Amino acid sequence: MFGPTQRLNLTKIVSTHASILLSLNSSFVQFGFTLGALLGGVAIEYFSIHSIMYLDVISTLIAFRIYLYSLKK
């Protein structure tokens, strides 16, 4: 998993405020888990179980676009 490596890189970026940065990182990771479970539950409730695959493709494409946008900066 990427967790230990990500935490190490974050502490190298801002070593003076590492505890705050690691706390924020952990909060956003937990938020991502929650959002994924919410979207999966809504997809199953209102659509079929197969709709999760389409939701996965759409969210992956959105994440890839965000990644490409962040490279331009």
N, C-alpha and C. Protein backbone atom coordinates (compact mmCIF):
# COMPACT_ATOMS: atom_id res chain seq x y z
N MET A 1 0.84 -1.18 0.00
CA MET A 1 0.00 0.00 0.00
C MET A 1 0.88 1.25 0.00
N PHE A 2 0.35 2.34 -0.45
CA PHE A 2 1.12 3.56 -0.61
C PHE A 2 1.25 4.37 0.67
N GLY A 3 0.60 4.01 1.73
CA GLY A 3 0.53 4.80 2.96
C GLY A 3 1.87 5.20 3.55
N PRO A 4 2.75 4.24 3.88
CA PRO A 4 4.03 4.63 4.50
C PRO A 4 4.90 5.51 3.61
N THR A 5 4.94 5.21 2.32
CA THR A 5 5.73 6.02 1.41
C THR A 5 5.16 7.42 1.28
N GLN A 6 3.85 7.51 1.22
CA GLN A 6 3.22 8.83 1.12
C GLN A 6 3.48 9.65 2.38
N ARG A 7 3.38 9.02 3.54
CA ARG A 7 3.64 9.75 4.78
C ARG A 7 5.09 10.23 4.85
N LEU A 8 6.02 9.40 4.40
CA LEU A 8 7.42 9.79 4.40
C LEU A 8 7.65 10.98 3.48
N ASN A 9 7.07 10.94 2.29
CA ASN A 9 7.22 12.05 1.36
C ASN A 9 6.58 13.33 1.89
N LEU A 10 5.43 13.21 2.53
CA LEU A 10 4.78 14.40 3.09
C LEU A 10 5.60 15.02 4.20
N THR A 11 6.22 14.19 5.03
CA THR A 11 7.04 14.75 6.11
C THR A 11 8.31 15.41 5.57
N LYS A 12 8.80 14.94 4.43
CA LYS A 12 9.98 15.58 3.82
C LYS A 12 9.61 16.93 3.20
N ILE A 13 8.39 17.07 2.70
CA ILE A 13 7.96 18.31 2.07
C ILE A 13 7.86 19.43 3.09
N VAL A 14 7.14 19.16 4.17
CA VAL A 14 6.93 20.19 5.21
C VAL A 14 7.28 19.56 6.55
N SER A 15 8.53 19.58 6.91
CA SER A 15 8.95 18.91 8.14
C SER A 15 8.55 19.68 9.39
N THR A 16 8.35 20.98 9.26
CA THR A 16 8.00 21.77 10.45
C THR A 16 6.56 21.54 10.90
N HIS A 17 5.68 21.23 9.98
CA HIS A 17 4.27 21.01 10.32
C HIS A 17 3.84 19.61 9.92
N ALA A 18 4.70 18.64 10.12
CA ALA A 18 4.45 17.28 9.66
C ALA A 18 3.23 16.66 10.33
N SER A 19 3.03 16.90 11.61
CA SER A 19 1.91 16.27 12.31
C SER A 19 0.57 16.78 11.77
N ILE A 20 0.49 18.06 11.46
CA ILE A 20 -0.74 18.62 10.90
C ILE A 20 -0.98 18.08 9.51
N LEU A 21 0.06 18.02 8.71
CA LEU A 21 -0.06 17.52 7.35
C LEU A 21 -0.46 16.05 7.33
N LEU A 22 0.12 15.24 8.20
CA LEU A 22 -0.23 13.83 8.26
C LEU A 22 -1.67 13.63 8.75
N SER A 23 -2.10 14.47 9.67
CA SER A 23 -3.48 14.39 10.14
C SER A 23 -4.47 14.74 9.03
N LEU A 24 -4.17 15.79 8.28
CA LEU A 24 -5.04 16.15 7.15
C LEU A 24 -5.05 15.06 6.09
N ASN A 25 -3.90 14.49 5.83
CA ASN A 25 -3.82 13.41 4.85
C ASN A 25 -4.68 12.23 5.28
N SER A 26 -4.58 11.85 6.52
CA SER A 26 -5.38 10.74 7.04
C SER A 26 -6.88 11.04 6.96
N SER A 27 -7.25 12.28 7.26
CA SER A 27 -8.65 12.67 7.19
C SER A 27 -9.18 12.58 5.77
N PHE A 28 -8.41 13.02 4.80
CA PHE A 28 -8.86 12.96 3.41
C PHE A 28 -8.90 11.53 2.88
N VAL A 29 -8.01 10.67 3.33
CA VAL A 29 -8.07 9.26 2.94
C VAL A 29 -9.35 8.63 3.49
N GLN A 30 -9.67 8.90 4.75
CA GLN A 30 -10.90 8.38 5.34
C GLN A 30 -12.13 8.94 4.63
N PHE A 31 -12.08 10.21 4.25
CA PHE A 31 -13.18 10.81 3.50
C PHE A 31 -13.36 10.11 2.15
N GLY A 32 -12.26 9.76 1.50
CA GLY A 32 -12.33 9.03 0.24
C GLY A 32 -12.97 7.67 0.40
N PHE A 33 -12.63 6.96 1.48
CA PHE A 33 -13.28 5.67 1.74
C PHE A 33 -14.78 5.84 1.94
N THR A 34 -15.16 6.87 2.69
CA THR A 34 -16.57 7.13 2.95
C THR A 34 -17.32 7.49 1.68
N LEU A 35 -16.73 8.35 0.88
CA LEU A 35 -17.37 8.75 -0.37
C LEU A 35 -17.53 7.56 -1.32
N GLY A 36 -16.52 6.70 -1.38
CA GLY A 36 -16.61 5.51 -2.22
C GLY A 36 -17.71 4.57 -1.78
N ALA A 37 -17.83 4.36 -0.47
CA ALA A 37 -18.90 3.51 0.04
C ALA A 37 -20.27 4.12 -0.21
N LEU A 38 -20.38 5.43 -0.06
CA LEU A 38 -21.64 6.12 -0.32
C LEU A 38 -22.06 5.98 -1.78
N LEU A 39 -21.13 6.26 -2.69
CA LEU A 39 -21.45 6.17 -4.11
C LEU A 39 -21.78 4.74 -4.52
N GLY A 40 -21.06 3.78 -3.98
CA GLY A 40 -21.35 2.38 -4.27
C GLY A 40 -22.72 1.96 -3.75
N GLY A 41 -23.06 2.40 -2.56
CA GLY A 41 -24.37 2.09 -1.99
C GLY A 41 -25.50 2.71 -2.78
N VAL A 42 -25.33 3.95 -3.20
CA VAL A 42 -26.35 4.62 -4.01
C VAL A 42 -26.49 3.93 -5.37
N ALA A 43 -25.37 3.54 -5.95
CA ALA A 43 -25.41 2.87 -7.25
C ALA A 43 -26.16 1.54 -7.16
N ILE A 44 -25.92 0.80 -6.10
CA ILE A 44 -26.61 -0.49 -5.94
C ILE A 44 -28.08 -0.29 -5.61
N GLU A 45 -28.38 0.71 -4.82
CA GLU A 45 -29.77 0.95 -4.41
C GLU A 45 -30.64 1.38 -5.59
N TYR A 46 -30.16 2.28 -6.40
CA TYR A 46 -31.00 2.84 -7.46
C TYR A 46 -30.77 2.22 -8.84
N PHE A 47 -29.67 1.53 -9.00
CA PHE A 47 -29.36 0.90 -10.28
C PHE A 47 -29.03 -0.56 -10.01
N SER A 48 -28.44 -1.23 -10.96
CA SER A 48 -28.07 -2.63 -10.75
C SER A 48 -26.66 -2.72 -10.18
N ILE A 49 -26.28 -3.92 -9.78
CA ILE A 49 -24.94 -4.14 -9.24
C ILE A 49 -23.88 -3.87 -10.31
N HIS A 50 -24.25 -4.03 -11.56
CA HIS A 50 -23.30 -3.81 -12.65
C HIS A 50 -22.98 -2.33 -12.85
N SER A 51 -23.80 -1.46 -12.30
CA SER A 51 -23.54 -0.03 -12.46
C SER A 51 -22.29 0.42 -11.71
N ILE A 52 -21.84 -0.38 -10.76
CA ILE A 52 -20.61 -0.04 -10.03
C ILE A 52 -19.43 0.01 -10.99
N MET A 53 -19.43 -0.87 -11.98
CA MET A 53 -18.35 -0.88 -12.95
C MET A 53 -18.31 0.44 -13.72
N TYR A 54 -19.46 0.94 -14.12
CA TYR A 54 -19.50 2.21 -14.86
C TYR A 54 -19.10 3.37 -13.95
N LEU A 55 -19.54 3.33 -12.72
CA LEU A 55 -19.16 4.36 -11.75
C LEU A 55 -17.65 4.35 -11.53
N ASP A 56 -17.07 3.17 -11.50
CA ASP A 56 -15.62 3.04 -11.34
C ASP A 56 -14.87 3.64 -12.52
N VAL A 57 -15.35 3.37 -13.73
CA VAL A 57 -14.70 3.92 -14.93
C VAL A 57 -14.79 5.44 -14.93
N ILE A 58 -15.95 5.96 -14.60
CA ILE A 58 -16.15 7.42 -14.59
C ILE A 58 -15.25 8.08 -13.54
N SER A 59 -15.21 7.50 -12.34
CA SER A 59 -14.40 8.10 -11.28
C SER A 59 -12.91 7.99 -11.60
N THR A 60 -12.49 6.92 -12.26
CA THR A 60 -11.10 6.79 -12.66
C THR A 60 -10.73 7.83 -13.71
N LEU A 61 -11.62 8.06 -14.66
CA LEU A 61 -11.36 9.08 -15.67
C LEU A 61 -11.30 10.48 -15.06
N ILE A 62 -12.16 10.75 -14.10
CA ILE A 62 -12.13 12.05 -13.41
C ILE A 62 -10.81 12.22 -12.66
N ALA A 63 -10.38 11.16 -11.95
CA ALA A 63 -9.12 11.23 -11.22
C ALA A 63 -7.94 11.41 -12.16
N PHE A 64 -7.99 10.76 -13.32
CA PHE A 64 -6.91 10.90 -14.30
C PHE A 64 -6.86 12.33 -14.86
N ARG A 65 -8.01 12.92 -15.09
CA ARG A 65 -8.05 14.31 -15.57
C ARG A 65 -7.47 15.26 -14.52
N ILE A 66 -7.81 15.04 -13.27
CA ILE A 66 -7.27 15.87 -12.19
C ILE A 66 -5.75 15.70 -12.13
N TYR A 67 -5.29 14.48 -12.29
CA TYR A 67 -3.85 14.22 -12.28
C TYR A 67 -3.16 14.97 -13.43
N LEU A 68 -3.70 14.87 -14.62
CA LEU A 68 -3.11 15.57 -15.76
C LEU A 68 -3.12 17.08 -15.56
N TYR A 69 -4.19 17.60 -14.98
CA TYR A 69 -4.27 19.04 -14.70
C TYR A 69 -3.21 19.45 -13.70
N SER A 70 -2.96 18.59 -12.70
CA SER A 70 -1.97 18.95 -11.68
C SER A 70 -0.55 18.92 -12.25
N LEU A 71 -0.30 18.14 -13.29
CA LEU A 71 1.02 18.13 -13.91
C LEU A 71 1.33 19.41 -14.65
N LYS A 72 0.29 20.07 -15.14
CA LYS A 72 0.48 21.31 -15.91
C LYS A 72 0.95 22.45 -15.02
N LYS A 73 0.62 22.43 -13.77
CA LYS A 73 0.98 23.53 -12.86
C LYS A 73 2.41 23.48 -12.43
